[in-house]
Amino acid sequence: MRLSPNFTLEELTVSQTAARHGLDNTPPPEIIENLRLLAQSLQALRVLFGNNAIIVTSGYRSPEVNKRV
């Protein structure tokens, strides 16, 4: 799911910790709207800095993933 021109839901929710431990890191619907706002803010920063890539290392962690991290 594309949240902004350059950011996807998958990019903001990918987690090596979740993958290693077989945990679901899917955000609930109310969090997806917050991630959309985050993506829009990141998009604005990207444009401000000359459309250079921004690497997201953690946009969302489920409570279980967060415990493991």
Protein backbone atom coordinates (compact mmCIF):
# COMPACT_ATOMS: atom_id res chain seq x y z
CA MET A 1 0.00 0.00 0.00
CA ARG A 2 1.48 3.34 -1.07
CA LEU A 3 1.25 5.96 1.69
CA SER A 4 3.00 8.75 -0.23
CA PRO A 5 4.79 8.99 -3.58
CA ASN A 6 7.98 7.44 -2.15
CA PHE A 7 6.90 5.50 0.95
CA THR A 8 4.90 2.30 1.32
CA LEU A 9 3.24 0.62 4.27
CA GLU A 10 5.51 -2.38 3.73
CA GLU A 11 8.60 -0.18 3.99
CA LEU A 12 7.42 1.30 7.29
CA THR A 13 6.51 -2.05 8.85
CA VAL A 14 9.29 -4.39 7.71
CA SER A 15 11.11 -5.89 10.68
CA GLN A 16 14.03 -8.29 10.76
CA THR A 17 13.17 -9.03 14.40
CA ALA A 18 9.59 -9.96 13.45
CA ALA A 19 10.85 -12.18 10.62
CA ARG A 20 13.44 -13.89 12.83
CA HIS A 21 10.86 -14.70 15.51
CA GLY A 22 7.88 -15.38 13.24
CA LEU A 23 5.95 -12.40 14.62
CA ASP A 24 3.19 -10.51 12.85
CA ASN A 25 4.08 -6.83 12.55
CA THR A 26 0.87 -5.78 10.77
CA PRO A 27 -0.45 -2.52 12.21
CA PRO A 28 -4.15 -2.16 13.11
CA PRO A 29 -6.24 0.18 10.91
CA GLU A 30 -6.03 3.11 13.34
CA ILE A 31 -2.22 2.96 13.21
CA ILE A 32 -2.17 2.89 9.41
CA GLU A 33 -3.60 6.40 9.34
CA ASN A 34 -0.79 7.55 11.65
CA LEU A 35 1.73 5.88 9.35
CA ARG A 36 0.18 7.72 6.42
CA LEU A 37 0.79 11.01 8.26
CA LEU A 38 4.36 9.94 9.00
CA ALA A 39 4.91 9.07 5.34
CA GLN A 40 3.59 12.47 4.27
CA SER A 41 6.01 14.18 6.68
CA LEU A 42 8.90 12.04 5.44
CA GLN A 43 7.88 12.89 1.87
CA ALA A 44 8.02 16.61 2.66
CA LEU A 45 11.51 16.17 4.16
CA ARG A 46 12.63 14.24 1.13
CA VAL A 47 11.49 17.06 -1.16
CA LEU A 48 13.09 19.67 1.12
CA PHE A 49 16.44 17.86 0.87
CA GLY A 50 16.48 17.70 -2.91
CA ASN A 51 14.48 14.49 -3.38
CA ASN A 52 17.27 12.42 -1.84
CA ALA A 53 16.31 9.01 -0.51
CA ILE A 54 15.40 8.62 3.15
CA ILE A 55 15.99 5.18 4.61
CA VAL A 56 13.45 4.17 7.24
CA THR A 57 14.75 1.60 9.72
CA SER A 58 11.67 1.50 11.94
CA GLY A 59 8.31 3.09 11.22
CA TYR A 60 6.13 0.72 13.25
CA ARG A 61 6.70 -2.09 15.71
CA SER A 62 3.89 -4.20 17.09
CA PRO A 63 3.93 -4.49 20.90
CA GLU A 64 5.40 -8.01 20.66
CA VAL A 65 8.11 -6.95 18.19
CA ASN A 66 8.90 -3.93 20.35
CA LYS A 67 9.40 -6.24 23.37
CA ARG A 68 11.85 -8.35 21.39
CA VAL A 69 13.83 -5.34 20.20
